[in-house]
Amino acid sequence: MQLFFESNLNIGAMEGKMRWVQGRAEILPEPVIPADRYVDGAGISVTTVLKDGGCYRMWYWGIPEDWGGEDVGYACYAESDNGLDWTKPALGQVDIGHGPNNVTHLGAIAFDVFIDPDSPPSHRYRGTTYIDPGRESHQIGAAHCGYYTAHSPDGLHWELDGANPAWWDSDVISAIYHPGQRRGLVALKRNPRYHGIPRRAVWNAELVNGQWSDCWRALVPDDFDDVCAIARGYASGDYYGLSMQPAGMATAGFLQQFRHSLPRSPFENWENGVFGVTDISLVYQESPRACWQHAPGRRDFLTCQPGTFYQGGIYPASGVVEVGDEHWLYFAGQGQTHGWYINNRWTLQPRWKEAMRAEGTVAQTGVARWPKWRLFGYTADPEGTLTLNLGEIPEDCILLLNYECDLAGSIRVELPGADGHALDDAVPLTGSHLAAPAAWKGETRIPARPGRQTTVKLHLERATVWAYEVEGME
């Protein structure tokens, strides 16, 4: 569906008491997959969850039982019928010496997967990953430290696309497939300087017609990110990574806001924040390669909460998965703040490393969920109107609305200039629906208007509209 981004140029005049609102998510109180094997005994950090046919498939970074504090681990795999109860199949790919395991033969600490419907069978699954050959085990041909791409026929047996990195730099990368744009989207972390210190920032790249592009600067932290961090009791802020969700031709983003605690590192090129927490705010991109925009006010969408398994940081999977009538974003929750077990010279503190390992606070995988498409919306408090340009309508169609109303609220849709579609003809939409058709007396069709722009007027009373879709046009 098309989301109601505040800057959407299809939104015209508004009257009455209308205001833009941001959706809210619920975080399940407990992790959804246990760290119960040698390969993930110290923690499970999810990187991707996909719905593939009737199966939910998870790829995650398994942090081994004898974790020593380094960024090393295993690229692991799990499956589920419902998104909550997970099994870890024995893959038989890597002999680690601790019995059967669910480890793939791609040694990586960050590995994201998407299905590319335009690729040949051998490349149906595409992957992006960060590999450091000096630290990872069971390599499959990586020559240097950097961000790599890979392909697979089944999501389990992988081959790198090349021995050299697709993009230089290191650490956090995510990737999704965008069906509306028919391309793969990549977000990776780099560290430009801003206001005198390096800042983590987001670069984008894409897969189009089987070819990976160069990367380009997409989101760089600014002064307001520091203000947001300071307002929450931290020293400064930057961006740890970006997860994404296709939405029509647009893309919604879940931005990792890394808020820094002092002290900073004294090392050259590492003067950015080492310690702190990671919360999530919303951003969006209205069309391919358009600028990313922050949701107004940069309010947190997901926030670390004391006393939870994610009190030290929230690190989301690459994208969102549909589960019933909800969207779910899996994430790795840290029980302690970033860098808790090192000092500001990046020296391991064995006592605190062992405490994290023993207490199970390195990483646990949880779920944030919300009703489908309810991220950005407009609410009437108590009443107002919103004009929406649907563009050219070459054939009859139906307008579907994602909305919710108070008990006494409603939405009525007016189609100016169309017989039988006046405000008095409108059937009030009440309750809460994810995709309800706008209706008039005995009619749900919007008549074709080839060569003309079609505008509808939404009349809201004690209601919120979240998203829309024009159905029936090729």
Protein backbone atom coordinates (compact mmCIF):
# COMPACT_ATOMS: atom_id res chain seq x y z
CA MET A 1 0.00 0.00 0.00
CA GLN A 2 0.94 3.67 -0.29
CA LEU A 3 1.78 5.21 3.07
CA PHE A 4 0.79 8.69 4.20
CA PHE A 5 4.24 10.26 4.33
CA GLU A 6 3.84 13.88 5.38
CA SER A 7 5.70 15.14 2.29
CA ASN A 8 3.68 12.98 -0.16
CA LEU A 9 2.93 15.26 -3.11
CA ASN A 10 -0.35 13.42 -3.74
CA ILE A 11 -1.69 14.90 -0.51
CA GLY A 12 -3.35 18.23 -1.23
CA ALA A 13 -5.39 20.61 0.86
CA MET A 14 -6.33 19.84 4.44
CA GLU A 15 -9.04 21.51 6.47
CA GLY A 16 -10.09 21.27 10.08
CA LYS A 17 -7.99 19.79 12.85
CA MET A 18 -5.79 17.32 11.00
CA ARG A 19 -2.33 16.33 12.18
CA TRP A 20 0.31 13.85 11.10
CA VAL A 21 0.95 10.89 13.43
CA GLN A 22 3.48 8.07 13.72
CA GLY A 23 2.46 4.48 14.36
CA ARG A 24 3.41 2.46 17.42
CA ALA A 25 4.80 -1.03 17.76
CA GLU A 26 4.51 -3.67 20.46
CA ILE A 27 7.63 -5.58 21.47
CA LEU A 28 7.03 -9.12 22.67
CA PRO A 29 8.38 -9.41 26.23
CA GLU A 30 10.50 -12.53 25.67
CA PRO A 31 13.00 -13.66 23.01
CA VAL A 32 11.50 -15.91 20.33
CA ILE A 33 14.37 -18.32 19.68
CA PRO A 34 16.53 -19.94 22.39
CA ALA A 35 20.33 -19.87 22.42
CA ASP A 36 20.62 -23.60 23.11
CA ARG A 37 23.45 -24.92 20.91
CA TYR A 38 27.21 -24.62 21.06
CA VAL A 39 27.18 -22.46 17.91
CA ASP A 40 24.79 -19.90 19.42
CA GLY A 41 25.16 -20.55 23.15
CA ALA A 42 26.30 -16.99 23.92
CA GLY A 43 23.74 -15.27 21.73
CA ILE A 44 21.57 -15.10 18.63
CA SER A 45 21.69 -11.95 16.51
CA VAL A 46 19.08 -12.15 13.74
CA THR A 47 20.01 -10.70 10.35
CA THR A 48 17.13 -11.75 8.04
CA VAL A 49 13.69 -13.35 8.28
CA LEU A 50 11.79 -14.15 5.07
CA LYS A 51 8.45 -15.76 4.39
CA ASP A 52 9.23 -18.27 1.65
CA GLY A 53 6.09 -20.11 0.59
CA GLY A 54 4.48 -21.36 3.79
CA CYS A 55 7.72 -21.28 5.78
CA TYR A 56 9.41 -18.54 7.76
CA ARG A 57 13.17 -18.70 7.28
CA MET A 58 15.70 -17.03 9.56
CA TRP A 59 19.39 -16.38 9.03
CA TYR A 60 21.28 -15.25 12.10
CA TRP A 61 24.72 -14.68 13.55
CA GLY A 62 25.33 -17.38 16.12
CA ILE A 63 27.70 -16.33 18.91
CA PRO A 64 29.37 -19.50 20.24
CA GLU A 65 29.13 -20.78 23.76
CA ASP A 66 32.82 -20.07 24.41
CA TRP A 67 32.64 -16.54 22.99
CA GLY A 68 35.80 -14.61 23.76
CA GLY A 69 34.59 -11.07 23.15
CA GLU A 70 35.60 -10.80 19.49
CA ASP A 71 33.28 -10.20 16.52
CA VAL A 72 33.37 -13.85 15.49
CA GLY A 73 30.61 -16.37 15.13
CA TYR A 74 28.66 -18.51 12.70
CA ALA A 75 26.16 -17.81 9.93
CA CYS A 76 23.26 -19.96 11.14
CA TYR A 77 19.81 -20.92 9.84
CA ALA A 78 16.41 -21.70 11.40
CA GLU A 79 12.83 -22.38 10.25
CA SER A 80 9.32 -21.82 11.60
CA ASP A 81 5.69 -22.43 10.62
CA ASN A 82 4.35 -19.45 12.55
CA GLY A 83 7.24 -17.03 13.15
CA LEU A 84 7.41 -17.81 16.87
CA ASP A 85 8.41 -21.47 17.25
CA TRP A 86 11.74 -22.12 15.57
CA THR A 87 13.68 -25.26 14.68
CA LYS A 88 17.36 -25.44 13.78
CA PRO A 89 17.86 -28.10 11.08
CA ALA A 90 21.14 -29.99 10.92
CA LEU A 91 22.71 -28.78 7.67
CA GLY A 92 25.83 -30.93 7.66
CA GLN A 93 27.90 -28.21 5.99
CA VAL A 94 30.48 -27.39 8.67
CA ASP A 95 32.13 -29.74 11.16
CA ILE A 96 32.73 -27.73 14.31
CA GLY A 97 33.29 -30.68 16.59
CA HIS A 98 30.20 -30.30 18.75
CA GLY A 99 27.77 -32.57 16.91
CA PRO A 100 25.19 -31.70 14.22
CA ASN A 101 24.63 -28.00 13.68
CA ASN A 102 22.67 -25.46 11.65
CA VAL A 103 25.72 -23.53 10.38
CA THR A 104 26.11 -22.58 6.73
CA HIS A 105 29.56 -22.63 5.20
CA LEU A 106 29.66 -18.85 4.75
CA GLY A 107 31.78 -17.40 7.54
CA ALA A 108 30.40 -13.95 8.29
CA ILE A 109 29.20 -11.81 11.17
CA ALA A 110 26.51 -9.98 9.19
CA PHE A 111 24.58 -11.82 6.51
CA ASP A 112 21.37 -10.64 4.86
CA VAL A 113 19.28 -12.59 2.37
CA PHE A 114 16.53 -11.76 -0.12
CA ILE A 115 14.80 -13.63 -2.93
CA ASP A 116 15.41 -12.20 -6.40
CA PRO A 117 12.55 -13.30 -8.71
CA ASP A 118 14.36 -11.96 -11.78
CA SER A 119 17.47 -14.11 -11.35
CA PRO A 120 18.20 -17.59 -12.75
CA PRO A 121 17.61 -20.53 -10.35
CA SER A 122 21.27 -20.62 -9.34
CA HIS A 123 20.97 -17.03 -8.07
CA ARG A 124 17.41 -17.08 -6.69
CA TYR A 125 18.70 -16.15 -3.23
CA ARG A 126 20.94 -13.13 -2.98
CA GLY A 127 23.06 -12.28 0.02
CA THR A 128 25.10 -9.36 1.28
CA THR A 129 27.61 -9.75 4.04
CA TYR A 130 30.60 -8.34 5.84
CA ILE A 131 33.60 -10.68 5.95
CA ASP A 132 36.97 -10.28 7.64
CA PRO A 133 39.15 -13.20 6.45
CA GLY A 134 41.51 -12.59 9.35
CA ARG A 135 38.83 -13.36 11.92
CA GLU A 136 36.14 -15.55 10.35
CA SER A 137 36.46 -19.30 9.89
CA HIS A 138 35.35 -21.72 7.14
CA GLN A 139 35.78 -19.11 4.38
CA ILE A 140 34.64 -19.64 0.81
CA GLY A 141 37.05 -17.40 -1.05
CA ALA A 142 37.06 -13.91 0.49
CA ALA A 143 40.41 -12.23 -0.14
CA HIS A 144 40.02 -8.98 1.81
CA CYS A 145 38.03 -7.35 4.58
CA GLY A 146 34.88 -5.71 3.23
CA TYR A 147 31.27 -6.02 2.13
CA TYR A 148 30.60 -8.96 -0.19
CA THR A 149 27.69 -10.22 -2.26
CA ALA A 150 26.76 -13.87 -2.70
CA HIS A 151 24.20 -16.09 -4.41
CA SER A 152 22.51 -19.41 -3.72
CA PRO A 153 19.89 -21.69 -5.30
CA ASP A 154 18.28 -22.55 -1.95
CA GLY A 155 19.43 -20.04 0.67
CA LEU A 156 21.74 -22.61 2.26
CA HIS A 157 24.54 -23.36 -0.21
CA TRP A 158 26.31 -20.12 -0.99
CA GLU A 159 28.95 -18.87 -3.39
CA LEU A 160 30.54 -15.44 -3.27
CA ASP A 161 30.09 -13.34 -6.40
CA GLY A 162 33.78 -12.49 -6.33
CA ALA A 163 36.96 -12.77 -4.28
CA ASN A 164 37.11 -9.01 -3.70
CA PRO A 165 34.55 -6.90 -1.83
CA ALA A 166 31.69 -5.32 -3.73
CA TRP A 167 32.05 -2.32 -1.42
CA TRP A 168 34.96 -1.41 0.84
CA ASP A 169 34.46 -0.69 4.55
CA SER A 170 33.21 -2.88 7.35
CA ASP A 171 30.60 -3.96 9.87
CA VAL A 172 26.84 -3.42 9.33
CA ILE A 173 25.00 -4.14 6.07
CA SER A 174 21.39 -4.96 5.22
CA ALA A 175 19.54 -5.80 2.00
CA ILE A 176 15.98 -6.39 0.78
CA TYR A 177 14.16 -6.96 -2.50
CA HIS A 178 11.74 -4.19 -3.55
CA PRO A 179 8.95 -5.65 -5.74
CA GLY A 180 7.52 -2.25 -6.68
CA GLN A 181 10.89 -1.07 -7.97
CA ARG A 182 12.05 -4.53 -9.12
CA ARG A 183 15.48 -4.14 -7.61
CA GLY A 184 17.49 -5.18 -4.60
CA LEU A 185 18.23 -2.43 -2.08
CA VAL A 186 21.34 -2.34 0.11
CA ALA A 187 22.17 -0.18 3.13
CA LEU A 188 25.72 -0.28 4.48
CA LYS A 189 27.61 1.59 7.16
CA ARG A 190 30.51 3.95 6.51
CA ASN A 191 32.25 6.56 8.69
CA PRO A 192 32.62 10.09 7.25
CA ARG A 193 33.70 12.97 9.46
CA TYR A 194 31.11 15.46 10.68
CA HIS A 195 31.77 18.20 13.24
CA GLY A 196 35.32 17.02 13.81
CA ILE A 197 34.79 13.31 14.50
CA PRO A 198 33.95 10.26 12.40
CA ARG A 199 30.23 9.48 12.38
CA ARG A 200 28.56 6.25 11.38
CA ALA A 201 26.39 6.93 8.34
CA VAL A 202 24.37 5.01 5.75
CA TRP A 203 25.30 4.40 2.12
CA ASN A 204 22.93 2.77 -0.39
CA ALA A 205 23.56 0.43 -3.32
CA GLU A 206 21.27 -1.61 -5.54
CA LEU A 207 20.94 -4.78 -7.62
CA VAL A 208 19.40 -4.06 -11.03
CA ASN A 209 19.24 -6.57 -13.90
CA GLY A 210 21.63 -8.86 -12.07
CA GLN A 211 24.29 -6.17 -11.54
CA TRP A 212 25.35 -4.67 -8.23
CA SER A 213 25.92 -0.91 -8.32
CA ASP A 214 28.50 1.26 -6.65
CA CYS A 215 27.35 2.67 -3.31
CA TRP A 216 26.34 6.27 -2.66
CA ARG A 217 25.85 8.46 0.41
CA ALA A 218 22.25 8.20 1.65
CA LEU A 219 21.84 9.29 5.29
CA VAL A 220 24.38 11.29 7.29
CA PRO A 221 23.77 12.33 10.91
CA ASP A 222 23.29 16.02 11.58
CA ASP A 223 23.02 18.45 14.49
CA PHE A 224 19.46 17.42 15.30
CA ASP A 225 20.61 13.85 15.91
CA ASP A 226 22.98 15.23 18.54
CA VAL A 227 20.10 17.24 20.02
CA CYS A 228 17.94 14.09 20.16
CA ALA A 229 20.77 12.19 21.84
CA ILE A 230 21.48 14.97 24.36
CA ALA A 231 17.77 15.25 25.18
CA ARG A 232 17.90 11.57 26.17
CA GLY A 233 20.99 11.97 28.35
CA TYR A 234 23.72 11.06 25.85
CA ALA A 235 26.60 13.03 24.34
CA SER A 236 26.04 12.75 20.58
CA GLY A 237 24.57 10.44 17.96
CA ASP A 238 25.05 8.73 14.64
CA TYR A 239 23.55 5.89 12.56
CA TYR A 240 24.47 2.26 13.18
CA GLY A 241 22.45 0.82 10.29
CA LEU A 242 19.22 0.90 8.29
CA SER A 243 16.53 -1.74 7.81
CA MET A 244 13.97 -1.29 5.03
CA GLN A 245 10.42 -2.16 3.97
CA PRO A 246 8.91 -1.76 0.47
CA ALA A 247 5.68 0.29 0.42
CA GLY A 248 4.23 0.66 -3.06
CA MET A 249 6.92 2.50 -5.02
CA ALA A 250 8.29 4.01 -1.81
CA THR A 251 10.46 2.55 0.95
CA ALA A 252 10.06 2.87 4.70
CA GLY A 253 13.21 2.71 6.79
CA PHE A 254 14.03 1.74 10.37
CA LEU A 255 17.09 3.77 11.30
CA GLN A 256 19.38 2.65 14.11
CA GLN A 257 20.03 5.75 16.21
CA PHE A 258 23.27 5.10 18.11
CA ARG A 259 23.36 7.48 21.08
CA HIS A 260 26.86 7.86 22.52
CA SER A 261 27.97 7.79 26.13
CA LEU A 262 31.33 9.19 27.21
CA PRO A 263 34.28 8.70 27.17
CA ARG A 264 35.17 8.63 23.48
CA SER A 265 38.07 6.67 22.04
CA PRO A 266 41.38 8.56 21.78
CA PHE A 267 42.48 6.63 18.69
CA GLU A 268 42.77 8.51 15.40
CA ASN A 269 39.73 7.87 13.14
CA TRP A 270 37.94 6.22 16.06
CA GLU A 271 37.00 9.35 17.99
CA ASN A 272 33.31 8.65 17.47
CA GLY A 273 31.21 7.12 20.19
CA VAL A 274 32.20 3.66 21.42
CA PHE A 275 29.62 3.30 24.18
CA GLY A 276 25.88 3.89 24.27
CA VAL A 277 22.50 2.52 23.20
CA THR A 278 20.74 2.00 19.90
CA ASP A 279 17.10 3.02 19.44
CA ILE A 280 15.05 3.00 16.21
CA SER A 281 13.47 5.94 14.40
CA LEU A 282 11.51 6.02 11.13
CA VAL A 283 12.67 7.40 7.78
CA TYR A 284 11.27 7.09 4.27
CA GLN A 285 12.20 7.37 0.61
CA GLU A 286 9.34 8.29 -1.74
CA SER A 287 10.81 6.92 -4.99
CA PRO A 288 13.94 5.11 -6.23
CA ARG A 289 17.13 6.97 -5.29
CA ALA A 290 15.14 9.90 -3.85
CA CYS A 291 16.44 11.53 -0.69
CA TRP A 292 15.69 9.82 2.60
CA GLN A 293 13.54 11.91 4.93
CA HIS A 294 13.12 11.64 8.68
CA ALA A 295 9.70 11.30 10.22
CA PRO A 296 8.83 14.69 11.76
CA GLY A 297 10.44 15.17 15.15
CA ARG A 298 12.51 11.96 14.83
CA ARG A 299 10.51 10.36 17.60
CA ASP A 300 11.66 6.86 18.51
CA PHE A 301 9.68 4.01 17.00
CA LEU A 302 11.42 1.41 19.18
CA THR A 303 13.22 2.36 22.39
CA CYS A 304 15.50 0.47 24.76
CA GLN A 305 13.65 -0.14 28.02
CA PRO A 306 15.25 -0.83 31.44
CA GLY A 307 14.63 -4.33 32.74
CA THR A 308 14.16 -5.90 29.30
CA PHE A 309 16.37 -8.21 27.25
CA TYR A 310 16.91 -5.27 24.86
CA GLN A 311 17.75 -2.60 27.46
CA GLY A 312 21.21 -2.03 25.98
CA GLY A 313 20.35 -1.81 22.28
CA ILE A 314 18.00 -2.80 19.45
CA TYR A 315 19.59 -4.10 16.23
CA PRO A 316 16.91 -4.98 13.63
CA ALA A 317 16.93 -7.60 10.90
CA SER A 318 17.27 -6.39 7.31
CA GLY A 319 13.54 -6.08 6.64
CA VAL A 320 9.96 -6.62 7.73
CA VAL A 321 7.94 -9.83 7.35
CA GLU A 322 4.16 -10.20 7.09
CA VAL A 323 2.56 -12.46 9.71
CA GLY A 324 -1.23 -12.60 9.43
CA ASP A 325 -2.61 -9.06 9.74
CA GLU A 326 0.61 -7.71 11.21
CA HIS A 327 4.07 -6.65 10.16
CA TRP A 328 6.90 -8.05 12.27
CA LEU A 329 10.41 -6.69 12.60
CA TYR A 330 12.77 -9.16 14.22
CA PHE A 331 15.69 -7.67 16.09
CA ALA A 332 18.70 -8.58 18.19
CA GLY A 333 18.37 -7.16 21.67
CA GLN A 334 21.43 -6.53 23.83
CA GLY A 335 21.13 -6.71 27.58
CA GLN A 336 24.06 -4.34 28.07
CA THR A 337 25.07 -1.16 26.29
CA HIS A 338 27.32 -1.12 23.24
CA GLY A 339 30.96 -1.70 24.20
CA TRP A 340 30.07 -2.70 27.78
CA TYR A 341 32.90 -5.25 27.92
CA ILE A 342 35.71 -3.05 26.50
CA ASN A 343 37.35 0.23 27.53
CA ASN A 344 37.60 3.33 25.37
CA ARG A 345 40.87 2.03 23.89
CA TRP A 346 38.96 -1.01 22.59
CA THR A 347 40.75 -3.28 25.07
CA LEU A 348 38.76 -6.31 26.19
CA GLN A 349 37.77 -6.36 29.86
CA PRO A 350 37.61 -10.12 30.62
CA ARG A 351 35.53 -9.77 33.78
CA TRP A 352 32.72 -7.92 32.01
CA LYS A 353 32.94 -10.04 28.88
CA GLU A 354 32.48 -13.15 30.97
CA ALA A 355 29.57 -11.55 32.84
CA MET A 356 27.76 -10.89 29.55
CA ARG A 357 28.38 -14.42 28.33
CA ALA A 358 27.28 -16.03 31.60
CA GLU A 359 24.18 -13.84 31.95
CA GLY A 360 23.08 -14.30 28.33
CA THR A 361 23.06 -10.59 27.54
CA VAL A 362 25.28 -10.63 24.43
CA ALA A 363 22.33 -10.89 22.02
CA GLN A 364 18.81 -12.33 22.08
CA THR A 365 16.35 -12.22 19.20
CA GLY A 366 12.93 -10.67 19.69
CA VAL A 367 10.01 -9.29 17.68
CA ALA A 368 8.39 -5.88 17.32
CA ARG A 369 4.97 -5.97 15.67
CA TRP A 370 2.23 -3.60 14.51
CA PRO A 371 -0.89 -3.72 12.28
CA LYS A 372 0.09 -3.86 8.61
CA TRP A 373 1.08 -0.54 7.00
CA ARG A 374 0.40 1.55 10.10
CA LEU A 375 3.62 3.54 10.28
CA PHE A 376 2.65 7.03 9.04
CA GLY A 377 -0.83 8.55 9.09
CA TYR A 378 -3.15 11.52 9.49
CA THR A 379 -5.64 11.82 12.31
CA ALA A 380 -8.67 14.07 12.76
CA ASP A 381 -8.91 15.54 16.24
CA PRO A 382 -11.89 15.61 16.17
CA GLU A 383 -12.70 16.38 12.51
CA GLY A 384 -11.05 17.40 9.27
CA THR A 385 -10.65 16.72 5.57
CA LEU A 386 -7.75 15.57 3.43
CA THR A 387 -7.56 15.81 -0.37
CA LEU A 388 -5.77 12.95 -2.12
CA ASN A 389 -4.73 12.94 -5.79
CA LEU A 390 -5.01 9.41 -7.21
CA GLY A 391 -3.49 10.41 -10.56
CA GLU A 392 -4.94 9.34 -13.89
CA ILE A 393 -7.60 6.62 -13.67
CA PRO A 394 -7.72 4.97 -17.14
CA GLU A 395 -10.20 2.29 -16.03
CA ASP A 396 -12.68 1.71 -13.24
CA CYS A 397 -10.99 0.99 -9.92
CA ILE A 398 -11.50 0.66 -6.17
CA LEU A 399 -9.88 2.79 -3.48
CA LEU A 400 -8.81 0.73 -0.47
CA LEU A 401 -8.16 2.50 2.83
CA ASN A 402 -6.24 1.36 5.90
CA TYR A 403 -7.82 3.25 8.79
CA GLU A 404 -9.12 3.15 12.34
CA CYS A 405 -11.89 5.10 14.07
CA ASP A 406 -13.00 5.85 17.59
CA LEU A 407 -16.29 4.24 18.61
CA ALA A 408 -18.20 7.26 17.33
CA GLY A 409 -15.80 8.03 14.46
CA SER A 410 -16.06 7.56 10.70
CA ILE A 411 -14.48 8.29 7.32
CA ARG A 412 -16.51 9.31 4.28
CA VAL A 413 -15.01 9.62 0.81
CA GLU A 414 -16.18 12.24 -1.67
CA LEU A 415 -15.35 12.12 -5.39
CA PRO A 416 -15.98 15.67 -6.60
CA GLY A 417 -17.69 15.96 -9.98
CA ALA A 418 -18.74 12.30 -10.25
CA ASP A 419 -22.43 11.44 -10.24
CA GLY A 420 -23.43 9.25 -7.32
CA HIS A 421 -20.14 9.89 -5.50
CA ALA A 422 -20.98 13.07 -3.59
CA LEU A 423 -20.46 13.38 0.15
CA ASP A 424 -24.16 12.69 0.77
CA ASP A 425 -23.82 9.43 -1.20
CA ALA A 426 -20.82 8.21 0.81
CA VAL A 427 -21.19 5.17 3.06
CA PRO A 428 -19.39 5.88 6.36
CA LEU A 429 -16.39 3.66 7.08
CA THR A 430 -16.29 2.76 10.77
CA GLY A 431 -14.29 0.53 13.08
CA SER A 432 -10.78 -0.51 12.08
CA HIS A 433 -9.81 -2.10 8.75
CA LEU A 434 -6.55 -2.80 6.95
CA ALA A 435 -8.00 -2.59 3.41
CA ALA A 436 -11.64 -1.46 3.25
CA PRO A 437 -13.07 -0.13 -0.04
CA ALA A 438 -14.40 3.41 -0.16
CA ALA A 439 -18.12 3.07 -0.81
CA TRP A 440 -21.10 5.04 -1.98
CA LYS A 441 -24.74 3.99 -2.05
CA GLY A 442 -24.66 0.67 -3.89
CA GLU A 443 -21.25 1.41 -5.38
CA THR A 444 -17.54 0.91 -4.64
CA ARG A 445 -16.14 1.66 -8.10
CA ILE A 446 -14.39 4.90 -8.99
CA PRO A 447 -15.24 5.57 -12.66
CA ALA A 448 -12.47 5.80 -15.23
CA ARG A 449 -11.21 9.26 -16.12
CA PRO A 450 -8.59 8.76 -18.85
CA GLY A 451 -6.40 11.77 -19.50
CA ARG A 452 -7.47 13.50 -16.27
CA GLN A 453 -6.29 13.61 -12.68
CA THR A 454 -8.71 12.14 -10.16
CA THR A 455 -8.93 13.67 -6.70
CA VAL A 456 -10.87 12.34 -3.74
CA LYS A 457 -11.66 14.13 -0.51
CA LEU A 458 -11.54 12.18 2.75
CA HIS A 459 -13.84 13.47 5.48
CA LEU A 460 -12.60 12.22 8.86
CA GLU A 461 -14.31 12.40 12.22
CA ARG A 462 -12.37 10.99 15.18
CA ALA A 463 -10.45 8.78 12.78
CA THR A 464 -6.94 8.06 11.49
CA VAL A 465 -6.06 7.06 7.94
CA TRP A 466 -2.78 5.16 7.53
CA ALA A 467 -2.44 3.96 3.95
CA TYR A 468 -4.27 3.57 0.65
CA GLU A 469 -4.18 1.54 -2.54
CA VAL A 470 -5.85 1.93 -5.91
CA GLU A 471 -6.94 -1.56 -6.94
CA GLY A 472 -8.01 -2.74 -10.36
CA MET A 473 -5.61 -0.84 -12.62
CA GLU A 474 -2.82 -2.61 -14.47
